[in-house]
C-alpha atoms as a PDB file:
ATOM      1  CA  MET A   1       0.000   0.000   0.000  1.00  0.00           C
ATOM      2  CA  GLY A   2       1.386   3.403  -0.958  1.00  0.00           C
ATOM      3  CA  LEU A   3       1.743   6.272   1.459  1.00  0.00           C
ATOM      4  CA  SER A   4      -0.759   9.099   1.031  1.00  0.00           C
ATOM      5  CA  LEU A   5      -0.009  12.626   2.198  1.00  0.00           C
ATOM      6  CA  GLY A   6      -2.825  14.612   3.760  1.00  0.00           C
ATOM      7  CA  VAL A   7      -2.701  18.120   5.181  1.00  0.00           C
ATOM      8  CA  VAL A   8      -5.093  19.274   7.904  1.00  0.00           C
ATOM      9  CA  LEU A   9      -5.817  22.924   7.171  1.00  0.00           C
ATOM     10  CA  PRO A  10      -6.360  25.120  10.253  1.00  0.00           C
ATOM     11  CA  ILE A  11      -9.640  27.014   9.898  1.00  0.00           C
ATOM     12  CA  SER A  12     -10.052  27.994  13.530  1.00  0.00           C
ATOM     13  CA  GLU A  13      -8.859  30.800  15.727  1.00  0.00           C
ATOM     14  CA  PHE A  14      -5.492  30.093  17.303  1.00  0.00           C
ATOM     15  CA  SER A  15      -4.917  30.117  21.034  1.00  0.00           C
ATOM     16  CA  PRO A  16      -4.034  32.118  22.981  1.00  0.00           C
ATOM     17  CA  ASP A  17      -4.315  35.216  20.778  1.00  0.00           C
ATOM     18  CA  GLY A  18      -7.569  34.306  19.017  1.00  0.00           C
ATOM     19  CA  VAL A  19      -6.225  35.220  15.578  1.00  0.00           C
ATOM     20  CA  ALA A  20      -8.073  33.430  12.780  1.00  0.00           C
ATOM     21  CA  PRO A  21      -6.543  32.367   9.468  1.00  0.00           C
ATOM     22  CA  ARG A  22      -7.688  34.589   6.619  1.00  0.00           C
ATOM     23  CA  TRP A  23      -8.925  33.453   3.225  1.00  0.00           C
ATOM     24  CA  PRO A  24      -5.759  34.335   1.252  1.00  0.00           C
ATOM     25  CA  GLU A  25      -3.694  32.314   3.738  1.00  0.00           C
ATOM     26  CA  MET A  26      -6.018  29.309   3.618  1.00  0.00           C
ATOM     27  CA  LEU A  27      -6.064  29.309  -0.186  1.00  0.00           C
ATOM     28  CA  ALA A  28      -2.291  29.770  -0.468  1.00  0.00           C
ATOM     29  CA  THR A  29      -1.611  26.907   1.948  1.00  0.00           C
ATOM     30  CA  THR A  30      -3.977  24.603   0.069  1.00  0.00           C
ATOM     31  CA  ARG A  31      -2.443  25.474  -3.285  1.00  0.00           C
ATOM     32  CA  LEU A  32       1.015  24.846  -1.860  1.00  0.00           C
ATOM     33  CA  ALA A  33      -0.137  21.454  -0.573  1.00  0.00           C
ATOM     34  CA  GLU A  34      -1.463  20.722  -4.049  1.00  0.00           C
ATOM     35  CA  GLU A  35       1.810  21.844  -5.620  1.00  0.00           C
ATOM     36  CA  ILE A  36       3.912  19.451  -3.534  1.00  0.00           C
ATOM     37  CA  GLY A  37       1.657  16.553  -4.434  1.00  0.00           C
ATOM     38  CA  ALA A  38      -0.448  16.178  -1.277  1.00  0.00           C
ATOM     39  CA  ASP A  39      -3.397  13.896  -1.847  1.00  0.00           C
ATOM     40  CA  THR A  40      -5.995  15.542   0.389  1.00  0.00           C
ATOM     41  CA  ILE A  41      -6.621  18.749   2.297  1.00  0.00           C
ATOM     42  CA  TRP A  42      -8.711  18.053   5.414  1.00  0.00           C
ATOM     43  CA  LEU A  43     -11.040  20.525   7.121  1.00  0.00           C
ATOM     44  CA  GLY A  44     -12.498  20.298  10.605  1.00  0.00           C
ATOM     45  CA  ASP A  45     -16.190  20.961  11.220  1.00  0.00           C
ATOM     46  CA  GLU A  46     -16.746  22.797  14.481  1.00  0.00           C
ATOM     47  CA  ILE A  47     -18.654  25.873  15.637  1.00  0.00           C
ATOM     48  CA  LEU A  48     -17.016  26.821  18.917  1.00  0.00           C
ATOM     49  CA  TRP A  49     -14.337  24.944  20.815  1.00  0.00           C
ATOM     50  CA  ARG A  50     -14.314  25.133  24.597  1.00  0.00           C
ATOM     51  CA  ASP A  51     -11.634  23.643  26.784  1.00  0.00           C
ATOM     52  CA  PRO A  52     -13.518  21.623  29.451  1.00  0.00           C
ATOM     53  CA  GLU A  53     -10.847  22.590  31.974  1.00  0.00           C
ATOM     54  CA  GLY A  54     -10.937  26.262  30.980  1.00  0.00           C
ATOM     55  CA  SER A  55      -7.183  26.478  30.490  1.00  0.00           C
ATOM     56  CA  THR A  56      -7.411  27.850  26.936  1.00  0.00           C
ATOM     57  CA  PRO A  57      -9.616  30.617  25.503  1.00  0.00           C
ATOM     58  CA  LEU A  58     -12.754  29.978  23.468  1.00  0.00           C
ATOM     59  CA  MET A  59     -11.975  29.274  19.799  1.00  0.00           C
ATOM     60  CA  GLY A  60     -14.286  29.829  16.851  1.00  0.00           C
ATOM     61  CA  TRP A  61     -14.173  28.085  13.464  1.00  0.00           C
ATOM     62  CA  TRP A  62     -14.903  29.178   9.928  1.00  0.00           C
ATOM     63  CA  ASP A  63     -17.862  27.347   8.368  1.00  0.00           C
ATOM     64  CA  MET A  64     -16.432  24.133   6.928  1.00  0.00           C
ATOM     65  CA  PRO A  65     -18.772  23.566   3.923  1.00  0.00           C
ATOM     66  CA  ALA A  66     -18.303  27.159   2.785  1.00  0.00           C
ATOM     67  CA  VAL A  67     -14.503  26.980   3.032  1.00  0.00           C
ATOM     68  CA  ALA A  68     -14.478  23.564   1.340  1.00  0.00           C
ATOM     69  CA  GLY A  69     -16.456  24.890  -1.607  1.00  0.00           C
ATOM     70  CA  ALA A  70     -14.175  27.891  -2.012  1.00  0.00           C
ATOM     71  CA  LEU A  71     -11.055  25.706  -1.852  1.00  0.00           C
ATOM     72  CA  ALA A  72     -12.570  23.276  -4.348  1.00  0.00           C
ATOM     73  CA  ALA A  73     -13.127  26.146  -6.785  1.00  0.00           C
ATOM     74  CA  GLY A  74      -9.590  27.447  -6.235  1.00  0.00           C
ATOM     75  CA  THR A  75      -7.737  24.162  -6.830  1.00  0.00           C
ATOM     76  CA  SER A  76      -7.625  21.536  -9.550  1.00  0.00           C
ATOM     77  CA  SER A  77      -6.248  18.209  -8.345  1.00  0.00           C
ATOM     78  CA  ILE A  78      -6.054  17.874  -4.552  1.00  0.00           C
ATOM     79  CA  ARG A  79      -8.930  16.108  -2.811  1.00  0.00           C
ATOM     80  CA  ILE A  80     -11.056  18.159  -0.429  1.00  0.00           C
ATOM     81  CA  GLY A  81     -12.218  16.288   2.656  1.00  0.00           C
ATOM     82  CA  SER A  82     -14.205  16.959   5.819  1.00  0.00           C
ATOM     83  CA  TRP A  83     -12.447  15.697   8.972  1.00  0.00           C
ATOM     84  CA  VAL A  84     -15.136  15.124  10.072  1.00  0.00           C
ATOM     85  CA  MET A  85     -18.558  16.597   9.328  1.00  0.00           C
ATOM     86  CA  SER A  86     -20.656  16.677  12.484  1.00  0.00           C
ATOM     87  CA  ALA A  87     -23.966  14.824  12.456  1.00  0.00           C
ATOM     88  CA  VAL A  88     -25.002  16.963  15.436  1.00  0.00           C
ATOM     89  CA  GLN A  89     -25.078  20.289  13.620  1.00  0.00           C
ATOM     90  CA  HIS A  90     -26.258  19.168  10.168  1.00  0.00           C
ATOM     91  CA  GLN A  91     -29.488  17.421   9.212  1.00  0.00           C
ATOM     92  CA  PRO A  92     -28.845  14.027   7.567  1.00  0.00           C
ATOM     93  CA  GLY A  93     -30.316  14.772   4.170  1.00  0.00           C
ATOM     94  CA  MET A  94     -28.597  18.143   4.029  1.00  0.00           C
ATOM     95  CA  ILE A  95     -25.245  16.455   4.623  1.00  0.00           C
ATOM     96  CA  VAL A  96     -25.752  14.478   1.428  1.00  0.00           C
ATOM     97  CA  ARG A  97     -26.895  17.562  -0.467  1.00  0.00           C
ATOM     98  CA  ALA A  98     -23.779  19.440   0.653  1.00  0.00           C
ATOM     99  CA  ALA A  99     -21.558  16.507  -0.322  1.00  0.00           C
ATOM    100  CA  GLU A 100     -23.059  16.392  -3.826  1.00  0.00           C
ATOM    101  CA  ALA A 101     -22.600  20.146  -4.277  1.00  0.00           C
ATOM    102  CA  LEU A 102     -18.987  20.011  -3.069  1.00  0.00           C
ATOM    103  CA  ASP A 103     -18.295  17.060  -5.363  1.00  0.00           C
ATOM    104  CA  GLU A 104     -19.729  19.053  -8.256  1.00  0.00           C
ATOM    105  CA  ILE A 105     -17.657  22.156  -7.482  1.00  0.00           C
ATOM    106  CA  SER A 106     -14.483  20.096  -7.092  1.00  0.00           C
ATOM    107  CA  GLY A 107     -15.058  17.982 -10.180  1.00  0.00           C
ATOM    108  CA  GLY A 108     -15.266  14.741  -8.226  1.00  0.00           C
ATOM    109  CA  ARG A 109     -12.616  15.415  -5.572  1.00  0.00           C
ATOM    110  CA  PHE A 110     -14.674  15.589  -2.385  1.00  0.00           C
ATOM    111  CA  VAL A 111     -14.344  13.039   0.439  1.00  0.00           C
ATOM    112  CA  LEU A 112     -17.159  13.032   2.996  1.00  0.00           C
ATOM    113  CA  GLY A 113     -15.717  12.510   6.443  1.00  0.00           C
ATOM    114  CA  LEU A 114     -18.543  11.970   8.923  1.00  0.00           C
ATOM    115  CA  GLY A 115     -18.766  11.627  12.694  1.00  0.00           C
ATOM    116  CA  ALA A 116     -21.229  11.782  15.561  1.00  0.00           C
ATOM    117  CA  GLY A 117     -20.143  15.254  16.707  1.00  0.00           C
ATOM    118  CA  HIS A 118     -20.414  16.640  20.219  1.00  0.00           C
ATOM    119  CA  GLY A 119     -21.774  19.542  22.230  1.00  0.00           C
ATOM    120  CA  GLY A 120     -19.845  22.752  22.675  1.00  0.00           C
ATOM    121  CA  GLY A 121     -20.834  25.309  20.075  1.00  0.00           C
ATOM    122  CA  ALA A 122     -23.620  23.102  18.772  1.00  0.00           C
ATOM    123  CA  THR A 123     -25.375  23.398  22.120  1.00  0.00           C
ATOM    124  CA  ASP A 124     -25.017  27.182  22.058  1.00  0.00           C
ATOM    125  CA  PHE A 125     -26.662  27.330  18.642  1.00  0.00           C
ATOM    126  CA  GLY A 126     -29.659  25.288  19.701  1.00  0.00           C
ATOM    127  CA  PHE A 127     -28.793  21.852  18.332  1.00  0.00           C
ATOM    128  CA  ALA A 128     -29.802  18.831  20.396  1.00  0.00           C
ATOM    129  CA  THR A 129     -26.622  17.292  21.769  1.00  0.00           C
ATOM    130  CA  ASP A 130     -27.975  14.568  24.019  1.00  0.00           C
ATOM    131  CA  LYS A 131     -27.617  10.935  22.919  1.00  0.00           C
ATOM    132  CA  THR A 132     -25.167  11.932  20.197  1.00  0.00           C
ATOM    133  CA  VAL A 133     -24.244   8.380  19.219  1.00  0.00           C
ATOM    134  CA  SER A 134     -27.880   7.262  18.981  1.00  0.00           C
ATOM    135  CA  ARG A 135     -28.671  10.314  16.869  1.00  0.00           C
ATOM    136  CA  TYR A 136     -25.651   9.596  14.656  1.00  0.00           C
ATOM    137  CA  LEU A 137     -26.515   5.943  14.093  1.00  0.00           C
ATOM    138  CA  GLU A 138     -30.084   6.908  13.192  1.00  0.00           C
ATOM    139  CA  ALA A 139     -28.834   9.648  10.861  1.00  0.00           C
ATOM    140  CA  LEU A 140     -26.818   7.020   8.984  1.00  0.00           C
ATOM    141  CA  GLU A 141     -30.080   5.286   8.077  1.00  0.00           C
ATOM    142  CA  ILE A 142     -30.826   8.353   5.948  1.00  0.00           C
ATOM    143  CA  ILE A 143     -27.348   9.470   4.925  1.00  0.00           C
ATOM    144  CA  VAL A 144     -25.931   6.196   3.615  1.00  0.00           C
ATOM    145  CA  PRO A 145     -28.768   5.204   1.227  1.00  0.00           C
ATOM    146  CA  LEU A 146     -29.015   8.721  -0.205  1.00  0.00           C
ATOM    147  CA  LEU A 147     -25.228   9.043  -0.528  1.00  0.00           C
ATOM    148  CA  ARG A 148     -25.035   5.678  -2.299  1.00  0.00           C
ATOM    149  CA  GLY A 149     -27.525   6.853  -4.885  1.00  0.00           C
ATOM    150  CA  GLN A 150     -30.961   5.835  -3.613  1.00  0.00           C
ATOM    151  CA  GLU A 151     -33.499   7.994  -5.429  1.00  0.00           C
ATOM    152  CA  SER A 152     -35.794   8.796  -2.522  1.00  0.00           C
ATOM    153  CA  MET A 153     -35.915   8.199   1.218  1.00  0.00           C
ATOM    154  CA  THR A 154     -38.695   8.008   3.746  1.00  0.00           C
ATOM    155  CA  PHE A 155     -37.752   7.442   7.365  1.00  0.00           C
ATOM    156  CA  ASP A 156     -39.555   8.037  10.629  1.00  0.00           C
ATOM    157  CA  GLY A 157     -37.204   7.581  13.554  1.00  0.00           C
ATOM    158  CA  GLN A 158     -36.865   8.790  17.101  1.00  0.00           C
ATOM    159  CA  PHE A 159     -34.644  11.743  16.164  1.00  0.00           C
ATOM    160  CA  HIS A 160     -34.819  12.143  12.385  1.00  0.00           C
ATOM    161  CA  HIS A 161     -37.725  12.222   9.960  1.00  0.00           C
ATOM    162  CA  VAL A 162     -37.823  12.499   6.160  1.00  0.00           C
ATOM    163  CA  SER A 163     -40.663  11.910   3.727  1.00  0.00           C
ATOM    164  CA  ASP A 164     -39.877  11.152   0.082  1.00  0.00           C
ATOM    165  CA  ALA A 165     -36.584  13.080   0.436  1.00  0.00           C
ATOM    166  CA  ARG A 166     -34.723  13.326  -2.869  1.00  0.00           C
ATOM    167  CA  VAL A 167     -31.202  14.606  -3.453  1.00  0.00           C
ATOM    168  CA  ARG A 168     -31.256  16.474  -6.758  1.00  0.00           C
ATOM    169  CA  PRO A 169     -29.246  17.406  -8.697  1.00  0.00           C
ATOM    170  CA  ARG A 170     -26.345  14.990  -8.321  1.00  0.00           C
ATOM    171  CA  GLY A 171     -22.663  15.684  -8.850  1.00  0.00           C
ATOM    172  CA  PRO A 172     -20.241  13.884 -11.193  1.00  0.00           C
ATOM    173  CA  ARG A 173     -20.156  10.665  -9.105  1.00  0.00           C
ATOM    174  CA  PRO A 174     -23.754   9.747  -8.251  1.00  0.00           C
ATOM    175  CA  GLY A 175     -23.587   7.168  -5.508  1.00  0.00           C
ATOM    176  CA  GLY A 176     -19.799   7.226  -5.586  1.00  0.00           C
ATOM    177  CA  ILE A 177     -18.595   9.864  -3.119  1.00  0.00           C
ATOM    178  CA  PRO A 178     -16.072   8.248  -0.728  1.00  0.00           C
ATOM    179  CA  LEU A 179     -17.276   8.021   2.864  1.00  0.00           C
ATOM    180  CA  MET A 180     -14.843   8.277   5.764  1.00  0.00           C
ATOM    181  CA  MET A 181     -16.257   7.601   9.226  1.00  0.00           C
ATOM    182  CA  GLY A 182     -14.830   8.223  12.641  1.00  0.00           C
ATOM    183  CA  GLY A 183     -15.193   5.842  15.562  1.00  0.00           C
ATOM    184  CA  PHE A 184     -13.275   4.526  18.552  1.00  0.00           C
ATOM    185  CA  ALA A 185     -15.979   2.659  20.489  1.00  0.00           C
ATOM    186  CA  GLU A 186     -17.897  -0.480  19.600  1.00  0.00           C
ATOM    187  CA  LYS A 187     -21.065   1.119  18.207  1.00  0.00           C
ATOM    188  CA  THR A 188     -19.347   3.708  16.016  1.00  0.00           C
ATOM    189  CA  MET A 189     -16.624   1.272  14.921  1.00  0.00           C
ATOM    190  CA  THR A 190     -19.292  -1.256  13.936  1.00  0.00           C
ATOM    191  CA  ALA A 191     -21.048   1.426  11.879  1.00  0.00           C
ATOM    192  CA  ALA A 192     -17.779   2.310  10.161  1.00  0.00           C
ATOM    193  CA  ALA A 193     -17.074  -1.357   9.413  1.00  0.00           C
ATOM    194  CA  ARG A 194     -20.490  -1.643   7.836  1.00  0.00           C
ATOM    195  CA  HIS A 195     -20.657   1.574   5.815  1.00  0.00           C
ATOM    196  CA  ALA A 196     -17.312   3.351   5.458  1.00  0.00           C
ATOM    197  CA  ASP A 197     -14.630   3.336   2.805  1.00  0.00           C
ATOM    198  CA  VAL A 198     -12.094   4.782   5.242  1.00  0.00           C
ATOM    199  CA  TRP A 199     -11.948   4.524   9.029  1.00  0.00           C
ATOM    200  CA  SER A 200     -10.626   7.597  10.864  1.00  0.00           C
ATOM    201  CA  VAL A 201      -9.579   6.918  14.431  1.00  0.00           C
ATOM    202  CA  TYR A 202      -7.481   8.089  17.346  1.00  0.00           C
ATOM    203  CA  ALA A 203      -5.053   5.604  18.853  1.00  0.00           C
ATOM    204  CA  ARG A 204      -6.850   4.328  21.931  1.00  0.00           C
ATOM    205  CA  THR A 205      -7.012   0.973  23.636  1.00  0.00           C
ATOM    206  CA  SER A 206     -10.682   0.760  22.645  1.00  0.00           C
ATOM    207  CA  SER A 207      -9.882   1.171  18.943  1.00  0.00           C
ATOM    208  CA  LEU A 208      -7.014  -1.176  18.205  1.00  0.00           C
ATOM    209  CA  PRO A 209      -6.766  -2.311  14.567  1.00  0.00           C
ATOM    210  CA  GLU A 210      -7.283  -5.937  15.543  1.00  0.00           C
ATOM    211  CA  ALA A 211     -10.697  -5.139  17.023  1.00  0.00           C
ATOM    212  CA  PHE A 212     -11.727  -3.295  13.887  1.00  0.00           C
ATOM    213  CA  VAL A 213     -10.589  -6.171  11.670  1.00  0.00           C
ATOM    214  CA  GLU A 214     -12.943  -8.500  13.540  1.00  0.00           C
ATOM    215  CA  LEU A 215     -15.815  -6.046  13.097  1.00  0.00           C
ATOM    216  CA  ARG A 216     -14.914  -5.737   9.440  1.00  0.00           C
ATOM    217  CA  ARG A 217     -15.002  -9.495   8.952  1.00  0.00           C
ATOM    218  CA  GLY A 218     -18.439  -9.612  10.514  1.00  0.00           C
ATOM    219  CA  SER A 219     -19.753  -6.872   8.249  1.00  0.00           C
ATOM    220  CA  THR A 220     -21.827  -7.714   5.198  1.00  0.00           C
ATOM    221  CA  ARG A 221     -20.580  -4.626   3.386  1.00  0.00           C
ATOM    222  CA  SER A 222     -18.934  -5.158   0.006  1.00  0.00           C
ATOM    223  CA  ALA A 223     -15.223  -4.647  -0.589  1.00  0.00           C
ATOM    224  CA  LYS A 224     -13.802  -1.136  -0.492  1.00  0.00           C
ATOM    225  CA  ARG A 225     -14.266   0.719  -3.757  1.00  0.00           C
ATOM    226  CA  TRP A 226     -11.950   3.691  -3.398  1.00  0.00           C
ATOM    227  CA  ASP A 227      -8.286   4.140  -2.616  1.00  0.00           C
ATOM    228  CA  VAL A 228      -8.531   7.031  -0.169  1.00  0.00           C
ATOM    229  CA  THR A 229      -6.137   6.876   2.767  1.00  0.00           C
ATOM    230  CA  PRO A 230      -5.953  10.049   4.855  1.00  0.00           C
ATOM    231  CA  ARG A 231      -3.222  10.624   7.413  1.00  0.00           C
ATOM    232  CA  ARG A 232      -3.946   9.147  10.846  1.00  0.00           C
ATOM    233  CA  SER A 233      -6.626   6.925   9.339  1.00  0.00           C
ATOM    234  CA  ALA A 234      -6.792   3.264   8.451  1.00  0.00           C
ATOM    235  CA  ASP A 235      -7.413   2.062   4.892  1.00  0.00           C
ATOM    236  CA  LEU A 236     -10.144  -0.527   5.200  1.00  0.00           C
ATOM    237  CA  SER A 237      -8.528  -2.766   2.587  1.00  0.00           C
ATOM    238  CA  GLU A 238      -5.460  -3.285   4.763  1.00  0.00           C
ATOM    239  CA  SER A 239      -5.796  -5.109   8.078  1.00  0.00           C
ATOM    240  CA  SER A 240      -2.214  -4.167   8.990  1.00  0.00           C
ATOM    241  CA  SER A 241      -2.891  -0.428   9.019  1.00  0.00           C
ATOM    242  CA  ILE A 242      -2.220   1.089  12.419  1.00  0.00           C
ATOM    243  CA  PRO A 243      -3.633   4.517  13.311  1.00  0.00           C
ATOM    244  CA  THR A 244      -1.337   6.991  15.021  1.00  0.00           C
ATOM    245  CA  THR A 245      -2.111   9.503  17.705  1.00  0.00           C
ATOM    246  CA  ARG A 246      -3.884  12.697  16.830  1.00  0.00           C
ATOM    247  CA  ALA A 247      -1.817  15.844  16.890  1.00  0.00           C
ATOM    248  CA  ARG A 248      -2.910  19.449  16.501  1.00  0.00           C
ATOM    249  CA  TRP A 249      -0.215  21.474  14.834  1.00  0.00           C
ATOM    250  CA  ARG A 250       0.344  24.213  12.321  1.00  0.00           C
ATOM    251  CA  MET A 251       2.593  23.462   9.381  1.00  0.00           C
ATOM    252  CA  PRO A 252       4.231  26.667   8.121  1.00  0.00           C
ATOM    253  CA  ALA A 253       4.833  27.203   4.425  1.00  0.00           C
ATOM    254  CA  SER A 254       8.566  26.587   4.907  1.00  0.00           C
ATOM    255  CA  ALA A 255       7.826  23.095   6.264  1.00  0.00           C
ATOM    256  CA  LEU A 256       5.542  22.294   3.337  1.00  0.00           C
ATOM    257  CA  ARG A 257       8.246  23.388   0.911  1.00  0.00           C
ATOM    258  CA  SER A 258      10.707  21.140   2.712  1.00  0.00           C
ATOM    259  CA  VAL A 259       8.303  18.235   2.196  1.00  0.00           C
ATOM    260  CA  ALA A 260       8.049  19.193  -1.467  1.00  0.00           C
ATOM    261  CA  ARG A 261      11.828  19.032  -1.902  1.00  0.00           C
ATOM    262  CA  SER A 262      12.035  15.653  -0.202  1.00  0.00           C
ATOM    263  CA  ARG A 263       9.242  14.210  -2.374  1.00  0.00           C
ATOM    264  CA  ARG A 264      11.009  15.425  -5.511  1.00  0.00           C
ATOM    265  CA  SER A 265      14.361  13.950  -4.452  1.00  0.00           C
ATOM    266  CA  PRO A 266      15.341  10.451  -5.611  1.00  0.00           C
ATOM    267  CA  ARG A 267      14.202   7.857  -3.116  1.00  0.00           C
ATOM    268  CA  PRO A 268      16.512   5.144  -1.819  1.00  0.00           C
ATOM    269  CA  SER A 269      15.943   1.644  -3.132  1.00  0.00           C
ATOM    270  CA  PRO A 270      15.053  -0.789  -1.829  1.00  0.00           C
ATOM    271  CA  ALA A 271      12.822   0.872   0.742  1.00  0.00           C
ATOM    272  CA  LEU A 272      13.081  -0.237   4.336  1.00  0.00           C
ATOM    273  CA  PRO A 273      10.168  -2.468   5.344  1.00  0.00           C
ATOM    274  CA  MET A 274       7.576  -0.997   7.683  1.00  0.00           C
ATOM    275  CA  SER A 275       6.843  -3.011  10.809  1.00  0.00           C
ATOM    276  CA  ALA A 276       3.272  -3.437  11.967  1.00  0.00           C
END
């Protein structure tokens, strides 16, 4: 399996000064990532970020779908992915509509990263944030069929309701937008094993690759259809993939250029084997 390079683009205010990245900076960083051959630019989907311990100031985020659309229009080859879109602050059917629009704008380069979400800013803006996992699993009953191309959807659940919902128009890959799903506990990992093309996970004892492999084997889902392997995520076609710990960092332009030079340099052969 080849190594994919993904760049997580900061779209939030930075602590402790609260300075937010501006559009020219976000576009320039994404274009630089594209220039060096990065496979995907990843965008977080938050509203407000509060430190539960109160040790860092409140941070706000730019609207992810809006930034993703603008970046899609301003680039030509790099994938644009949500890491991950929150099922708390977006209605299920509207998530699919947004994904189709972003895939259209990008010319078939969008990757839908999806997760249960959490409280924080969502609570402040009036979204229901109780029973987030139950809400997420029920939302998948609407999202997955519509994303995979089902023409219409009627569903009457405890949290979500749609009646003859239709996603129209469709982008360039009807039913074919890659789906990345987060999960580090049994219920969300089982959902990812059943529905996802890529599993995004933090390194925790509850989310070891071996446990996911067993869930994957028990899933009736067909084989993975897309080769999309974001950083810190496990490609579902490879049982030996091991997720690494999550890190929040800012990569300056000088560091990206250094990566560009190293990727252009001749690589030693044979390559050293990677241990699992």
